[in-house]
C-alpha atoms as a PDB file:
ATOM      1  CA  MET A   1     -23.887 -51.147 182.608  1.00  0.00           C
ATOM      2  CA  SER A   2     -22.886 -52.353 179.143  1.00  0.00           C
ATOM      3  CA  GLY A   3     -25.024 -51.788 176.003  1.00  0.00           C
ATOM      4  CA  PHE A   4     -24.959 -52.271 172.299  1.00  0.00           C
ATOM      5  CA  TYR A   5     -24.451 -49.065 170.311  1.00  0.00           C
ATOM      6  CA  ASP A   6     -24.155 -47.716 166.788  1.00  0.00           C
ATOM      7  CA  LEU A   7     -21.627 -44.959 166.171  1.00  0.00           C
ATOM      8  CA  MET A   8     -22.023 -43.129 162.821  1.00  0.00           C
ATOM      9  CA  LEU A   9     -18.916 -41.063 162.092  1.00  0.00           C
ATOM     10  CA  LEU A  10     -18.811 -38.394 159.364  1.00  0.00           C
ATOM     11  CA  LEU A  11     -15.241 -37.423 158.505  1.00  0.00           C
ATOM     12  CA  ASP A  12     -14.154 -34.363 156.542  1.00  0.00           C
ATOM     13  CA  PRO A  13     -12.958 -35.591 153.123  1.00  0.00           C
ATOM     14  CA  THR A  14     -10.956 -32.306 152.596  1.00  0.00           C
ATOM     15  CA  ALA A  15      -8.876 -32.978 155.803  1.00  0.00           C
ATOM     16  CA  PRO A  16      -5.398 -34.448 155.199  1.00  0.00           C
ATOM     17  CA  GLU A  17      -5.453 -38.206 155.059  1.00  0.00           C
ATOM     18  CA  GLU A  18      -3.222 -38.657 158.100  1.00  0.00           C
ATOM     19  CA  ARG A  19      -5.605 -36.594 160.207  1.00  0.00           C
ATOM     20  CA  ARG A  20      -8.589 -38.755 159.098  1.00  0.00           C
ATOM     21  CA  ASN A  21      -6.608 -41.946 159.750  1.00  0.00           C
ATOM     22  CA  ALA A  22      -5.607 -40.659 163.178  1.00  0.00           C
ATOM     23  CA  ALA A  23      -9.273 -39.962 164.058  1.00  0.00           C
ATOM     24  CA  ILE A  24     -10.281 -43.442 162.818  1.00  0.00           C
ATOM     25  CA  SER A  25      -7.492 -45.252 164.719  1.00  0.00           C
ATOM     26  CA  GLU A  26      -8.083 -43.232 167.925  1.00  0.00           C
ATOM     27  CA  THR A  27     -11.865 -44.019 167.806  1.00  0.00           C
ATOM     28  CA  GLU A  28     -11.186 -47.687 167.175  1.00  0.00           C
ATOM     29  CA  SER A  29      -8.592 -47.868 170.043  1.00  0.00           C
ATOM     30  CA  MET A  30     -10.968 -46.105 172.471  1.00  0.00           C
ATOM     31  CA  ILE A  31     -13.770 -48.507 171.647  1.00  0.00           C
ATOM     32  CA  GLY A  32     -11.416 -51.462 171.839  1.00  0.00           C
ATOM     33  CA  SER A  33     -10.071 -50.455 175.174  1.00  0.00           C
ATOM     34  CA  GLY A  34     -13.380 -49.763 176.927  1.00  0.00           C
ATOM     35  CA  GLY A  35     -15.647 -52.223 175.005  1.00  0.00           C
ATOM     36  CA  GLU A  36     -15.768 -54.456 172.003  1.00  0.00           C
ATOM     37  CA  ILE A  37     -16.155 -53.593 168.275  1.00  0.00           C
ATOM     38  CA  VAL A  38     -18.689 -55.884 166.746  1.00  0.00           C
ATOM     39  CA  THR A  39     -18.752 -54.454 163.192  1.00  0.00           C
ATOM     40  CA  ASN A  40     -16.731 -51.788 161.411  1.00  0.00           C
ATOM     41  CA  ASP A  41     -18.222 -50.654 158.025  1.00  0.00           C
ATOM     42  CA  ASP A  42     -16.621 -48.116 155.759  1.00  0.00           C
ATOM     43  CA  TRP A  43     -19.402 -46.610 153.605  1.00  0.00           C
ATOM     44  CA  GLY A  44     -17.015 -44.409 151.658  1.00  0.00           C
ATOM     45  CA  THR A  45     -17.487 -40.826 150.579  1.00  0.00           C
ATOM     46  CA  ARG A  46     -21.086 -39.941 150.009  1.00  0.00           C
ATOM     47  CA  ARG A  47     -23.073 -36.748 149.344  1.00  0.00           C
ATOM     48  CA  MET A  48     -24.870 -35.402 152.418  1.00  0.00           C
ATOM     49  CA  ALA A  49     -28.494 -34.251 152.423  1.00  0.00           C
ATOM     50  CA  TYR A  50     -27.339 -30.907 153.872  1.00  0.00           C
ATOM     51  CA  GLU A  51     -23.941 -29.222 153.778  1.00  0.00           C
ATOM     52  CA  ILE A  52     -21.913 -29.084 156.941  1.00  0.00           C
ATOM     53  CA  ASP A  53     -19.455 -26.232 157.142  1.00  0.00           C
ATOM     54  CA  HIS A  54     -19.901 -25.657 153.397  1.00  0.00           C
ATOM     55  CA  ARG A  55     -18.877 -29.270 152.587  1.00  0.00           C
ATOM     56  CA  PRO A  56     -21.424 -31.233 150.450  1.00  0.00           C
ATOM     57  CA  GLU A  57     -19.716 -34.625 150.997  1.00  0.00           C
ATOM     58  CA  ALA A  58     -18.400 -36.636 154.001  1.00  0.00           C
ATOM     59  CA  GLU A  59     -16.670 -39.963 154.474  1.00  0.00           C
ATOM     60  CA  TYR A  60     -19.083 -42.237 156.424  1.00  0.00           C
ATOM     61  CA  ARG A  61     -17.990 -44.917 158.847  1.00  0.00           C
ATOM     62  CA  LEU A  62     -20.404 -47.081 160.936  1.00  0.00           C
ATOM     63  CA  TYR A  63     -19.182 -48.807 164.156  1.00  0.00           C
ATOM     64  CA  GLN A  64     -21.307 -51.258 166.120  1.00  0.00           C
ATOM     65  CA  PHE A  65     -19.890 -51.915 169.608  1.00  0.00           C
ATOM     66  CA  ASN A  66     -20.542 -52.989 173.077  1.00  0.00           C
ATOM     67  CA  GLY A  67     -19.587 -50.544 175.752  1.00  0.00           C
ATOM     68  CA  ASP A  68     -20.483 -48.803 179.012  1.00  0.00           C
ATOM     69  CA  ASN A  69     -21.369 -45.216 179.980  1.00  0.00           C
ATOM     70  CA  THR A  70     -17.785 -44.220 180.680  1.00  0.00           C
ATOM     71  CA  LEU A  71     -16.780 -45.247 177.126  1.00  0.00           C
ATOM     72  CA  LEU A  72     -19.679 -43.185 175.712  1.00  0.00           C
ATOM     73  CA  ASP A  73     -18.468 -40.102 177.726  1.00  0.00           C
ATOM     74  CA  ARG A  74     -14.916 -40.463 176.554  1.00  0.00           C
ATOM     75  CA  LEU A  75     -16.094 -40.935 172.948  1.00  0.00           C
ATOM     76  CA  ASN A  76     -18.342 -37.847 173.055  1.00  0.00           C
ATOM     77  CA  GLN A  77     -15.598 -35.725 174.635  1.00  0.00           C
ATOM     78  CA  ARG A  78     -12.913 -36.791 172.175  1.00  0.00           C
ATOM     79  CA  LEU A  79     -14.989 -36.797 168.967  1.00  0.00           C
ATOM     80  CA  ARG A  80     -16.295 -33.272 169.670  1.00  0.00           C
ATOM     81  CA  ILE A  81     -12.802 -31.770 169.594  1.00  0.00           C
ATOM     82  CA  THR A  82     -11.356 -33.853 166.738  1.00  0.00           C
ATOM     83  CA  ASP A  83     -10.731 -31.646 163.742  1.00  0.00           C
ATOM     84  CA  ALA A  84     -11.350 -34.349 161.031  1.00  0.00           C
ATOM     85  CA  VAL A  85     -14.808 -35.254 162.414  1.00  0.00           C
ATOM     86  CA  LEU A  86     -17.738 -33.286 160.870  1.00  0.00           C
ATOM     87  CA  ARG A  87     -20.416 -35.000 162.860  1.00  0.00           C
ATOM     88  CA  PHE A  88     -20.978 -38.143 164.881  1.00  0.00           C
ATOM     89  CA  ARG A  89     -24.013 -39.825 166.378  1.00  0.00           C
ATOM     90  CA  ILE A  90     -24.105 -42.626 168.980  1.00  0.00           C
ATOM     91  CA  ILE A  91     -27.393 -44.547 169.185  1.00  0.00           C
ATOM     92  CA  LYS A  92     -28.312 -47.306 171.618  1.00  0.00           C
ATOM     93  CA  VAL A  93     -29.530 -50.296 169.605  1.00  0.00           C
ATOM     94  CA  LYS A  94     -32.586 -52.081 171.016  1.00  0.00           C
ATOM     95  CA  PRO A  95     -32.220 -55.818 171.532  1.00  0.00           C
ATOM     96  CA  GLY A  96     -33.268 -57.842 168.448  1.00  0.00           C
ATOM     97  CA  GLN A  97     -33.130 -54.822 166.120  1.00  0.00           C
ATOM     98  CA  PRO A  98     -31.543 -55.801 162.745  1.00  0.00           C
ATOM     99  CA  THR A  99     -28.318 -54.252 161.709  1.00  0.00           C
ATOM    100  CA  PRO A 100     -28.577 -51.323 159.253  1.00  0.00           C
ATOM    101  CA  PRO A 101     -28.079 -52.416 155.661  1.00  0.00           C
ATOM    102  CA  PRO A 102     -24.938 -51.293 153.902  1.00  0.00           C
ATOM    103  CA  PRO A 103     -25.381 -48.467 151.479  1.00  0.00           C
ATOM    104  CA  ASP A 104     -26.074 -49.160 147.832  1.00  0.00           C
ATOM    105  CA  GLN A 105     -22.964 -49.960 145.904  1.00  0.00           C
ATOM    106  CA  GLN A 106     -24.189 -47.746 143.036  1.00  0.00           C
ATOM    107  CA  ALA A 107     -23.000 -44.152 142.909  1.00  0.00           C
ATOM    108  CA  PRO A 108     -25.650 -41.891 144.334  1.00  0.00           C
ATOM    109  CA  ARG A 109     -27.675 -40.104 141.678  1.00  0.00           C
ATOM    110  CA  ARG A 110     -26.707 -36.579 141.169  1.00  0.00           C
ATOM    111  CA  ARG A 111     -29.204 -33.783 140.927  1.00  0.00           C
ATOM    112  CA  ASP A 112     -28.173 -33.118 137.307  1.00  0.00           C
ATOM    113  CA  ASP A 113     -29.046 -36.664 136.260  1.00  0.00           C
ATOM    114  CA  ARG A 114     -32.571 -36.487 137.607  1.00  0.00           C
ATOM    115  CA  GLU A 115     -35.435 -34.999 135.606  1.00  0.00           C
ATOM    116  CA  PRO A 116     -35.796 -31.311 136.477  1.00  0.00           C
ATOM    117  CA  GLN A 117     -38.861 -30.595 138.561  1.00  0.00           C
ATOM    118  CA  ASP A 118     -39.789 -27.454 136.522  1.00  0.00           C
ATOM    119  CA  THR A 119     -40.481 -29.607 133.439  1.00  0.00           C
ATOM    120  CA  LYS A 120     -43.087 -31.568 135.340  1.00  0.00           C
ATOM    121  CA  VAL A 121     -44.718 -28.272 136.451  1.00  0.00           C
ATOM    122  CA  ALA A 122     -44.649 -26.913 132.925  1.00  0.00           C
ATOM    123  CA  ALA A 123     -46.114 -30.094 131.542  1.00  0.00           C
ATOM    124  CA  ARG A 124     -48.964 -30.020 134.090  1.00  0.00           C
ATOM    125  CA  ALA A 125     -49.622 -26.350 133.410  1.00  0.00           C
ATOM    126  CA  ALA A 126     -49.793 -27.056 129.673  1.00  0.00           C
ATOM    127  CA  ALA A 127     -52.181 -29.936 130.232  1.00  0.00           C
ATOM    128  CA  ASP A 128     -54.496 -27.761 132.331  1.00  0.00           C
ATOM    129  CA  ALA A 129     -54.424 -24.766 129.944  1.00  0.00           C
ATOM    130  CA  PRO A 130     -57.205 -24.530 127.291  1.00  0.00           C
ATOM    131  CA  ALA A 131     -56.283 -25.486 123.829  1.00  0.00           C
ATOM    132  CA  LEU A 132     -55.646 -22.597 121.349  1.00  0.00           C
ATOM    133  CA  ASP A 133     -58.453 -23.701 118.990  1.00  0.00           C
ATOM    134  CA  GLU A 134     -60.968 -23.532 121.909  1.00  0.00           C
ATOM    135  CA  ALA A 135     -60.026 -19.972 122.710  1.00  0.00           C
ATOM    136  CA  ALA A 136     -60.066 -18.846 119.033  1.00  0.00           C
ATOM    137  CA  PRO A 137     -63.894 -18.915 118.478  1.00  0.00           C
ATOM    138  CA  ASP A 138     -64.492 -16.571 121.436  1.00  0.00           C
ATOM    139  CA  ALA A 139     -61.905 -14.105 120.145  1.00  0.00           C
ATOM    140  CA  GLY A 140     -63.395 -14.189 116.720  1.00  0.00           C
ATOM    141  CA  ALA A 141     -66.942 -13.559 118.066  1.00  0.00           C
ATOM    142  CA  ALA A 142     -65.734 -10.546 119.992  1.00  0.00           C
ATOM    143  CA  ASP A 143     -64.039  -9.123 116.913  1.00  0.00           C
ATOM    144  CA  ALA A 144     -67.149  -9.815 114.800  1.00  0.00           C
ATOM    145  CA  ALA A 145     -69.250  -7.914 117.218  1.00  0.00           C
ATOM    146  CA  GLY A 146     -66.917  -4.983 117.129  1.00  0.00           C
ATOM    147  CA  VAL A 147     -66.024  -5.229 120.870  1.00  0.00           C
ATOM    148  CA  GLU A 148     -62.479  -4.439 121.653  1.00  0.00           C
ATOM    149  CA  ALA A 149     -60.846  -5.992 124.743  1.00  0.00           C
ATOM    150  CA  SER A 150     -58.908  -3.548 126.821  1.00  0.00           C
ATOM    151  CA  ALA A 151     -55.712  -4.453 128.643  1.00  0.00           C
ATOM    152  CA  GLY A 152     -57.560  -4.196 131.995  1.00  0.00           C
ATOM    153  CA  ASP A 153     -60.142  -6.739 130.883  1.00  0.00           C
ATOM    154  CA  VAL A 154     -57.366  -9.240 129.972  1.00  0.00           C
ATOM    155  CA  ALA A 155     -55.598  -8.789 133.256  1.00  0.00           C
ATOM    156  CA  VAL A 156     -58.812  -9.339 135.235  1.00  0.00           C
ATOM    157  CA  ALA A 157     -59.571 -12.481 133.158  1.00  0.00           C
ATOM    158  CA  ASP A 158     -56.088 -13.881 133.883  1.00  0.00           C
ATOM    159  CA  ALA A 159     -56.066 -13.098 137.612  1.00  0.00           C
ATOM    160  CA  PRO A 160     -56.687 -15.926 140.020  1.00  0.00           C
ATOM    161  CA  PRO A 161     -60.090 -16.090 141.649  1.00  0.00           C
ATOM    162  CA  ALA A 162     -60.533 -14.184 144.931  1.00  0.00           C
ATOM    163  CA  PRO A 163     -60.396 -16.363 148.026  1.00  0.00           C
ATOM    164  CA  GLU A 164     -63.748 -17.152 149.512  1.00  0.00           C
ATOM    165  CA  GLU A 165     -64.446 -16.134 153.040  1.00  0.00           C
END
């Protein structure tokens, strides 16, 4: 029984180029011999969401092909033992489903280019904190009355409220 499939192939960018090219040509020849390649998209080297084997980037390739179960078995067996392949995923495409869009041609944004999250938290904390001039009259009243605040009183005042049960 023949079906329409997507094969996402993640290749190791640190592997020698001839090993990556051998993995690509072997995959294409296996699909060509047992099925038909519909599209072959090279998405280039991209940063992964999670590191695989301490590698932050991988070379992405997307194949859409028609094939049968014996081709899928051979691809699974061969891609598992190929050194240049970090990960692969074969997904059966439902009839009428649109093809996945190509990745953006822009370089992916780096973490350093984005606004750090801790500045947003600090800005929110500063917005929620009472203004200094609001706190000053209370401190002045306590000094005028001759009451001294102990370190323990300050710590209790700054502690978060106890959880309600």
